[in-house]
C-alpha atoms as a PDB file:
ATOM      1  CA  UNK A   1      -0.001   0.024   0.012  1.00  0.00           C
ATOM      2  CA  UNK A   2       2.882   2.401   0.784  1.00  0.00           C
ATOM      3  CA  UNK A   3       4.348   1.703  -2.701  1.00  0.00           C
ATOM      4  CA  UNK A   4       1.050   2.458  -4.438  1.00  0.00           C
ATOM      5  CA  UNK A   5       0.515   5.507  -2.393  1.00  0.00           C
ATOM      6  CA  UNK A   6       4.118   6.781  -3.303  1.00  0.00           C
ATOM      7  CA  UNK A   7       3.343   6.130  -7.018  1.00  0.00           C
ATOM      8  CA  UNK A   8       0.053   7.979  -6.894  1.00  0.00           C
ATOM      9  CA  UNK A   9       1.664  10.924  -4.998  1.00  0.00           C
ATOM     10  CA  UNK A  10       4.509  11.199  -7.560  1.00  0.00           C
ATOM     11  CA  UNK A  11       1.996  11.091 -10.418  1.00  0.00           C
ATOM     12  CA  UNK A  12      -0.011  13.896  -8.850  1.00  0.00           C
ATOM     13  CA  UNK A  13       3.075  15.931  -8.463  1.00  0.00           C
ATOM     14  CA  UNK A  14       4.178  15.221 -12.055  1.00  0.00           C
ATOM     15  CA  UNK A  15       0.811  16.619 -13.328  1.00  0.00           C
ATOM     16  CA  UNK A  16       1.186  19.893 -11.542  1.00  0.00           C
ATOM     17  CA  UNK A  17       1.372  23.050 -13.740  1.00  0.00           C
ATOM     18  CA  UNK A  18       3.845  25.835 -13.000  1.00  0.00           C
ATOM     19  CA  UNK A  19       5.803  26.504  -9.774  1.00  0.00           C
ATOM     20  CA  UNK A  20       4.757  27.723  -6.481  1.00  0.00           C
ATOM     21  CA  UNK A  21       4.277  26.579  -2.899  1.00  0.00           C
ATOM     22  CA  UNK A  22       2.296  23.464  -2.069  1.00  0.00           C
ATOM     23  CA  UNK A  23       2.001  21.869   1.398  1.00  0.00           C
ATOM     24  CA  UNK A  24       4.752  24.153   2.608  1.00  0.00           C
ATOM     25  CA  UNK A  25       7.265  23.016  -0.082  1.00  0.00           C
ATOM     26  CA  UNK A  26       8.561  24.668  -3.152  1.00  0.00           C
ATOM     27  CA  UNK A  27       7.314  23.038  -6.258  1.00  0.00           C
ATOM     28  CA  UNK A  28       9.164  23.165  -9.541  1.00  0.00           C
ATOM     29  CA  UNK A  29       7.738  23.276 -13.017  1.00  0.00           C
ATOM     30  CA  UNK A  30       7.353  19.875 -14.789  1.00  0.00           C
ATOM     31  CA  UNK A  31      10.098  19.274 -17.334  1.00  0.00           C
ATOM     32  CA  UNK A  32      10.463  16.623 -20.065  1.00  0.00           C
ATOM     33  CA  UNK A  33      11.872  13.507 -18.577  1.00  0.00           C
ATOM     34  CA  UNK A  34      11.896  14.948 -15.052  1.00  0.00           C
ATOM     35  CA  UNK A  35      10.605  12.645 -12.403  1.00  0.00           C
ATOM     36  CA  UNK A  36      10.648  12.552  -8.664  1.00  0.00           C
ATOM     37  CA  UNK A  37      12.271   9.642  -6.979  1.00  0.00           C
ATOM     38  CA  UNK A  38      11.559   8.624  -3.423  1.00  0.00           C
ATOM     39  CA  UNK A  39      13.819   6.015  -1.949  1.00  0.00           C
ATOM     40  CA  UNK A  40      13.733   3.941   1.157  1.00  0.00           C
ATOM     41  CA  UNK A  41      16.640   4.342   3.689  1.00  0.00           C
ATOM     42  CA  UNK A  42      19.941   3.306   1.936  1.00  0.00           C
ATOM     43  CA  UNK A  43      21.086   1.904   5.298  1.00  0.00           C
ATOM     44  CA  UNK A  44      18.019  -0.252   5.795  1.00  0.00           C
ATOM     45  CA  UNK A  45      18.166  -1.616   2.298  1.00  0.00           C
ATOM     46  CA  UNK A  46      21.906  -2.476   2.746  1.00  0.00           C
ATOM     47  CA  UNK A  47      21.193  -4.315   5.926  1.00  0.00           C
ATOM     48  CA  UNK A  48      18.569  -6.360   4.075  1.00  0.00           C
ATOM     49  CA  UNK A  49      21.019  -7.298   1.392  1.00  0.00           C
ATOM     50  CA  UNK A  50      19.086  -5.770  -1.341  1.00  0.00           C
ATOM     51  CA  UNK A  51      19.329  -2.769  -3.653  1.00  0.00           C
ATOM     52  CA  UNK A  52      17.566   0.391  -2.504  1.00  0.00           C
ATOM     53  CA  UNK A  53      13.918   0.324  -3.378  1.00  0.00           C
ATOM     54  CA  UNK A  54      12.563   3.201  -5.367  1.00  0.00           C
ATOM     55  CA  UNK A  55       9.079   4.481  -5.801  1.00  0.00           C
ATOM     56  CA  UNK A  56       8.575   6.374  -8.982  1.00  0.00           C
ATOM     57  CA  UNK A  57       5.921   7.698 -11.229  1.00  0.00           C
ATOM     58  CA  UNK A  58       5.434   6.758 -14.913  1.00  0.00           C
ATOM     59  CA  UNK A  59       6.732   9.114 -17.585  1.00  0.00           C
ATOM     60  CA  UNK A  60       3.705   8.121 -19.673  1.00  0.00           C
ATOM     61  CA  UNK A  61       4.425   8.493 -23.332  1.00  0.00           C
ATOM     62  CA  UNK A  62       8.125   8.302 -24.198  1.00  0.00           C
ATOM     63  CA  UNK A  63       9.254  10.604 -27.047  1.00  0.00           C
ATOM     64  CA  UNK A  64      12.803  10.016 -28.308  1.00  0.00           C
ATOM     65  CA  UNK A  65      14.506  13.275 -29.032  1.00  0.00           C
ATOM     66  CA  UNK A  66      14.808  13.676 -32.796  1.00  0.00           C
ATOM     67  CA  UNK A  67      13.945   9.981 -33.170  1.00  0.00           C
ATOM     68  CA  UNK A  68      17.225   8.910 -31.455  1.00  0.00           C
ATOM     69  CA  UNK A  69      17.074   5.992 -29.066  1.00  0.00           C
ATOM     70  CA  UNK A  70      19.503   3.757 -27.306  1.00  0.00           C
ATOM     71  CA  UNK A  71      18.310   0.580 -25.567  1.00  0.00           C
ATOM     72  CA  UNK A  72      19.937  -1.239 -22.642  1.00  0.00           C
ATOM     73  CA  UNK A  73      18.699  -4.792 -21.741  1.00  0.00           C
ATOM     74  CA  UNK A  74      19.746  -6.374 -18.521  1.00  0.00           C
ATOM     75  CA  UNK A  75      19.474 -10.229 -18.217  1.00  0.00           C
ATOM     76  CA  UNK A  76      20.235 -11.883 -14.938  1.00  0.00           C
ATOM     77  CA  UNK A  77      21.620 -15.444 -15.388  1.00  0.00           C
ATOM     78  CA  UNK A  78      18.984 -18.177 -14.958  1.00  0.00           C
ATOM     79  CA  UNK A  79      18.690 -20.358 -11.969  1.00  0.00           C
ATOM     80  CA  UNK A  80      22.111 -21.975 -11.029  1.00  0.00           C
ATOM     81  CA  UNK A  81      22.956 -25.179  -9.260  1.00  0.00           C
ATOM     82  CA  UNK A  82      24.355 -25.468  -5.756  1.00  0.00           C
ATOM     83  CA  UNK A  83      24.595 -29.301  -5.890  1.00  0.00           C
ATOM     84  CA  UNK A  84      28.467 -29.371  -5.545  1.00  0.00           C
ATOM     85  CA  UNK A  85      29.349 -27.299  -2.479  1.00  0.00           C
ATOM     86  CA  UNK A  86      33.067 -27.511  -3.335  1.00  0.00           C
ATOM     87  CA  UNK A  87      32.727 -26.046  -6.805  1.00  0.00           C
ATOM     88  CA  UNK A  88      34.162 -22.518  -7.124  1.00  0.00           C
ATOM     89  CA  UNK A  89      31.406 -19.969  -7.651  1.00  0.00           C
ATOM     90  CA  UNK A  90      32.482 -18.936 -11.240  1.00  0.00           C
ATOM     91  CA  UNK A  91      32.127 -22.612 -12.263  1.00  0.00           C
ATOM     92  CA  UNK A  92      28.633 -23.399 -11.015  1.00  0.00           C
ATOM     93  CA  UNK A  93      26.368 -24.492 -13.906  1.00  0.00           C
ATOM     94  CA  UNK A  94      22.657 -23.848 -14.462  1.00  0.00           C
ATOM     95  CA  UNK A  95      20.181 -25.962 -12.512  1.00  0.00           C
ATOM     96  CA  UNK A  96      17.492 -27.871 -14.533  1.00  0.00           C
ATOM     97  CA  UNK A  97      15.053 -25.091 -13.762  1.00  0.00           C
ATOM     98  CA  UNK A  98      17.420 -22.545 -15.197  1.00  0.00           C
ATOM     99  CA  UNK A  99      17.948 -24.636 -18.386  1.00  0.00           C
ATOM    100  CA  UNK A 100      14.249 -24.596 -18.968  1.00  0.00           C
ATOM    101  CA  UNK A 101      13.763 -20.927 -18.160  1.00  0.00           C
ATOM    102  CA  UNK A 102      16.569 -19.359 -20.379  1.00  0.00           C
ATOM    103  CA  UNK A 103      15.038 -20.662 -23.764  1.00  0.00           C
ATOM    104  CA  UNK A 104      11.670 -19.128 -22.713  1.00  0.00           C
ATOM    105  CA  UNK A 105      13.374 -15.739 -22.284  1.00  0.00           C
ATOM    106  CA  UNK A 106      15.141 -16.197 -25.689  1.00  0.00           C
ATOM    107  CA  UNK A 107      11.844 -16.900 -27.424  1.00  0.00           C
ATOM    108  CA  UNK A 108      10.282 -13.865 -25.812  1.00  0.00           C
ATOM    109  CA  UNK A 109      13.159 -11.600 -27.004  1.00  0.00           C
ATOM    110  CA  UNK A 110      12.875 -13.038 -30.599  1.00  0.00           C
ATOM    111  CA  UNK A 111       9.069 -12.610 -30.722  1.00  0.00           C
ATOM    112  CA  UNK A 112       9.255  -9.064 -29.313  1.00  0.00           C
ATOM    113  CA  UNK A 113      12.022  -7.656 -31.480  1.00  0.00           C
ATOM    114  CA  UNK A 114      14.430  -7.488 -28.578  1.00  0.00           C
ATOM    115  CA  UNK A 115      17.486  -9.057 -30.328  1.00  0.00           C
ATOM    116  CA  UNK A 116      20.438  -6.904 -29.398  1.00  0.00           C
ATOM    117  CA  UNK A 117      23.216  -5.518 -31.634  1.00  0.00           C
ATOM    118  CA  UNK A 118      25.763  -6.514 -29.024  1.00  0.00           C
ATOM    119  CA  UNK A 119      26.003  -8.762 -25.934  1.00  0.00           C
ATOM    120  CA  UNK A 120      28.260  -8.276 -22.960  1.00  0.00           C
ATOM    121  CA  UNK A 121      28.351 -11.503 -20.927  1.00  0.00           C
ATOM    122  CA  UNK A 122      30.002 -12.469 -17.639  1.00  0.00           C
ATOM    123  CA  UNK A 123      32.718 -15.147 -17.608  1.00  0.00           C
ATOM    124  CA  UNK A 124      30.822 -17.098 -15.003  1.00  0.00           C
ATOM    125  CA  UNK A 125      29.655 -20.491 -16.381  1.00  0.00           C
ATOM    126  CA  UNK A 126      26.065 -19.818 -15.354  1.00  0.00           C
ATOM    127  CA  UNK A 127      25.951 -16.583 -17.286  1.00  0.00           C
ATOM    128  CA  UNK A 128      27.589 -18.078 -20.438  1.00  0.00           C
ATOM    129  CA  UNK A 129      25.169 -21.037 -20.289  1.00  0.00           C
ATOM    130  CA  UNK A 130      22.243 -18.684 -20.067  1.00  0.00           C
ATOM    131  CA  UNK A 131      23.346 -16.763 -23.068  1.00  0.00           C
ATOM    132  CA  UNK A 132      23.982 -19.933 -25.086  1.00  0.00           C
ATOM    133  CA  UNK A 133      20.328 -21.110 -24.423  1.00  0.00           C
ATOM    134  CA  UNK A 134      18.987 -17.637 -25.168  1.00  0.00           C
ATOM    135  CA  UNK A 135      20.995 -17.337 -28.350  1.00  0.00           C
ATOM    136  CA  UNK A 136      19.669 -20.676 -29.664  1.00  0.00           C
ATOM    137  CA  UNK A 137      16.247 -18.948 -29.921  1.00  0.00           C
ATOM    138  CA  UNK A 138      17.382 -15.607 -31.482  1.00  0.00           C
ATOM    139  CA  UNK A 139      20.220 -16.767 -33.822  1.00  0.00           C
ATOM    140  CA  UNK A 140      24.007 -16.580 -33.713  1.00  0.00           C
ATOM    141  CA  UNK A 141      24.474 -13.389 -35.669  1.00  0.00           C
ATOM    142  CA  UNK A 142      24.838 -11.162 -32.579  1.00  0.00           C
ATOM    143  CA  UNK A 143      28.281  -9.901 -31.553  1.00  0.00           C
ATOM    144  CA  UNK A 144      29.240 -11.255 -28.080  1.00  0.00           C
ATOM    145  CA  UNK A 145      31.986 -10.292 -25.700  1.00  0.00           C
ATOM    146  CA  UNK A 146      32.740 -12.525 -22.817  1.00  0.00           C
ATOM    147  CA  UNK A 147      34.033 -10.181 -20.133  1.00  0.00           C
ATOM    148  CA  UNK A 148      35.595 -11.118 -16.724  1.00  0.00           C
ATOM    149  CA  UNK A 149      34.902  -7.600 -15.400  1.00  0.00           C
ATOM    150  CA  UNK A 150      31.148  -8.261 -15.484  1.00  0.00           C
ATOM    151  CA  UNK A 151      31.565 -11.026 -12.760  1.00  0.00           C
ATOM    152  CA  UNK A 152      32.639  -8.576 -10.025  1.00  0.00           C
ATOM    153  CA  UNK A 153      31.286  -5.350 -11.561  1.00  0.00           C
ATOM    154  CA  UNK A 154      29.576  -2.589  -9.615  1.00  0.00           C
ATOM    155  CA  UNK A 155      26.557  -0.773 -11.042  1.00  0.00           C
ATOM    156  CA  UNK A 156      28.665   2.293 -11.715  1.00  0.00           C
ATOM    157  CA  UNK A 157      31.369   0.394 -13.568  1.00  0.00           C
ATOM    158  CA  UNK A 158      28.572  -1.151 -15.826  1.00  0.00           C
ATOM    159  CA  UNK A 159      27.231   2.366 -16.425  1.00  0.00           C
ATOM    160  CA  UNK A 160      30.717   3.422 -17.643  1.00  0.00           C
ATOM    161  CA  UNK A 161      30.913   0.344 -19.749  1.00  0.00           C
ATOM    162  CA  UNK A 162      27.619   1.327 -21.368  1.00  0.00           C
ATOM    163  CA  UNK A 163      28.739   4.996 -21.869  1.00  0.00           C
ATOM    164  CA  UNK A 164      31.820   3.772 -23.758  1.00  0.00           C
ATOM    165  CA  UNK A 165      29.921   1.711 -26.326  1.00  0.00           C
ATOM    166  CA  UNK A 166      30.302   2.686 -29.988  1.00  0.00           C
ATOM    167  CA  UNK A 167      27.399   4.738 -31.315  1.00  0.00           C
ATOM    168  CA  UNK A 168      27.089   2.410 -34.350  1.00  0.00           C
ATOM    169  CA  UNK A 169      25.212   0.130 -31.964  1.00  0.00           C
ATOM    170  CA  UNK A 170      21.757   1.065 -30.690  1.00  0.00           C
ATOM    171  CA  UNK A 171      20.977  -1.917 -28.445  1.00  0.00           C
ATOM    172  CA  UNK A 172      23.000  -3.830 -25.981  1.00  0.00           C
ATOM    173  CA  UNK A 173      22.352  -6.784 -23.699  1.00  0.00           C
ATOM    174  CA  UNK A 174      24.214  -7.266 -20.405  1.00  0.00           C
ATOM    175  CA  UNK A 175      24.154 -10.801 -19.064  1.00  0.00           C
ATOM    176  CA  UNK A 176      25.339 -10.807 -15.453  1.00  0.00           C
ATOM    177  CA  UNK A 177      24.581 -11.113 -11.806  1.00  0.00           C
ATOM    178  CA  UNK A 178      22.831  -9.714  -8.771  1.00  0.00           C
ATOM    179  CA  UNK A 179      22.906  -7.490  -6.806  1.00  0.00           C
ATOM    180  CA  UNK A 180      24.655  -5.514  -9.491  1.00  0.00           C
ATOM    181  CA  UNK A 181      22.048  -5.793 -12.290  1.00  0.00           C
ATOM    182  CA  UNK A 182      19.229  -5.019  -9.890  1.00  0.00           C
ATOM    183  CA  UNK A 183      21.014  -1.989  -8.562  1.00  0.00           C
ATOM    184  CA  UNK A 184      21.835  -0.826 -12.086  1.00  0.00           C
ATOM    185  CA  UNK A 185      18.191  -1.251 -13.231  1.00  0.00           C
ATOM    186  CA  UNK A 186      16.909   0.774 -10.272  1.00  0.00           C
ATOM    187  CA  UNK A 187      19.489   3.505 -10.711  1.00  0.00           C
ATOM    188  CA  UNK A 188      18.936   3.871 -14.495  1.00  0.00           C
ATOM    189  CA  UNK A 189      15.202   3.851 -14.274  1.00  0.00           C
ATOM    190  CA  UNK A 190      13.385   7.272 -14.230  1.00  0.00           C
ATOM    191  CA  UNK A 191       9.963   6.027 -15.196  1.00  0.00           C
ATOM    192  CA  UNK A 192       8.220   3.535 -17.487  1.00  0.00           C
ATOM    193  CA  UNK A 193       5.452   1.104 -17.905  1.00  0.00           C
ATOM    194  CA  UNK A 194       3.558   1.040 -14.682  1.00  0.00           C
ATOM    195  CA  UNK A 195       3.354  -2.754 -14.281  1.00  0.00           C
ATOM    196  CA  UNK A 196       6.977  -3.108 -15.116  1.00  0.00           C
ATOM    197  CA  UNK A 197       7.928  -0.598 -12.488  1.00  0.00           C
ATOM    198  CA  UNK A 198       5.986  -2.376  -9.820  1.00  0.00           C
ATOM    199  CA  UNK A 199       7.531  -5.719 -10.798  1.00  0.00           C
ATOM    200  CA  UNK A 200      11.080  -4.336 -10.680  1.00  0.00           C
ATOM    201  CA  UNK A 201      10.380  -2.733  -7.346  1.00  0.00           C
ATOM    202  CA  UNK A 202       9.439  -6.162  -5.892  1.00  0.00           C
ATOM    203  CA  UNK A 203      12.398  -8.285  -7.020  1.00  0.00           C
ATOM    204  CA  UNK A 204      14.812  -9.055  -9.909  1.00  0.00           C
ATOM    205  CA  UNK A 205      14.820 -12.907  -9.853  1.00  0.00           C
ATOM    206  CA  UNK A 206      17.167 -15.182 -11.833  1.00  0.00           C
ATOM    207  CA  UNK A 207      16.377 -15.220 -15.524  1.00  0.00           C
ATOM    208  CA  UNK A 208      14.549 -11.900 -15.453  1.00  0.00           C
ATOM    209  CA  UNK A 209      14.903  -9.371 -18.239  1.00  0.00           C
ATOM    210  CA  UNK A 210      14.701  -5.532 -17.947  1.00  0.00           C
ATOM    211  CA  UNK A 211      14.630  -3.438 -21.112  1.00  0.00           C
ATOM    212  CA  UNK A 212      15.317   0.333 -20.740  1.00  0.00           C
ATOM    213  CA  UNK A 213      15.107   3.001 -23.467  1.00  0.00           C
ATOM    214  CA  UNK A 214      17.120   6.223 -23.524  1.00  0.00           C
ATOM    215  CA  UNK A 215      16.203   9.304 -25.568  1.00  0.00           C
ATOM    216  CA  UNK A 216      19.763   9.988 -26.441  1.00  0.00           C
ATOM    217  CA  UNK A 217      21.835   9.929 -29.724  1.00  0.00           C
ATOM    218  CA  UNK A 218      25.075   8.840 -27.991  1.00  0.00           C
ATOM    219  CA  UNK A 219      25.826   6.236 -25.363  1.00  0.00           C
ATOM    220  CA  UNK A 220      28.045   8.796 -23.587  1.00  0.00           C
ATOM    221  CA  UNK A 221      24.839  10.776 -22.724  1.00  0.00           C
ATOM    222  CA  UNK A 222      23.222   7.913 -20.844  1.00  0.00           C
ATOM    223  CA  UNK A 223      22.781   8.998 -17.226  1.00  0.00           C
ATOM    224  CA  UNK A 224      21.225   7.551 -14.025  1.00  0.00           C
ATOM    225  CA  UNK A 225      17.439   8.198 -13.840  1.00  0.00           C
ATOM    226  CA  UNK A 226      17.128   8.773 -17.561  1.00  0.00           C
ATOM    227  CA  UNK A 227      15.843   5.345 -18.568  1.00  0.00           C
ATOM    228  CA  UNK A 228      12.328   4.413 -19.499  1.00  0.00           C
ATOM    229  CA  UNK A 229      11.581   0.883 -18.264  1.00  0.00           C
ATOM    230  CA  UNK A 230       9.623  -0.490 -21.217  1.00  0.00           C
ATOM    231  CA  UNK A 231       9.664  -4.216 -20.215  1.00  0.00           C
ATOM    232  CA  UNK A 232      10.365  -6.192 -17.127  1.00  0.00           C
ATOM    233  CA  UNK A 233       9.633  -9.903 -17.415  1.00  0.00           C
ATOM    234  CA  UNK A 234      10.350 -13.025 -15.337  1.00  0.00           C
ATOM    235  CA  UNK A 235      10.684 -16.550 -16.819  1.00  0.00           C
ATOM    236  CA  UNK A 236       7.759 -17.946 -14.759  1.00  0.00           C
ATOM    237  CA  UNK A 237       5.394 -15.442 -16.369  1.00  0.00           C
ATOM    238  CA  UNK A 238       6.262 -16.494 -19.940  1.00  0.00           C
ATOM    239  CA  UNK A 239       4.531 -19.365 -21.738  1.00  0.00           C
ATOM    240  CA  UNK A 240       6.422 -22.582 -22.041  1.00  0.00           C
END
């Protein structure tokens, strides 16, 4: 209920016209792509071992500036196996459930025109196996980079990685791990499809896919809070 109340409050504020004083607080004029973010306590979220939860309003219609658009997709590896307690973490394979889930995500991407220009994938076995199963559904023409720095990456280092992409590419898919991908998705998101926002706010389970659009003509212009969360799906919600 608190989440829904925060969303409604933010939506009411975003619809205000002009500046002035409201409820004893200075109100600014609404601007394109401006959105008010209200976060839970960073310390409390850290103690819970989760990324800070954000309540945000929807941007409604998303209009790329001059038709320019860059798209970032974030795919958390599918469910991995813990059967061998002595196996080093980077070598853990997918669990049977994960091997069933990844192709469903791949089919969804293919059917919804979400095939990326480029893929950046962690060197962890579970991430590479996830991409292999996804790629079986969308073809093998996509350029793929297997990168060790995605295994231990922070959300900020991933942001810098995105900002350094060549502008000849318009869509990129990152295949990686939590908590980093969840943190990055929350930090990049400034609005989006209401149901997707609510789903992201709940959890970013294994095998989940977040798709964010940015109204920029260069990757270097991507900033935190600028993304429009167009899609957030979990494997269990997709048809088999």
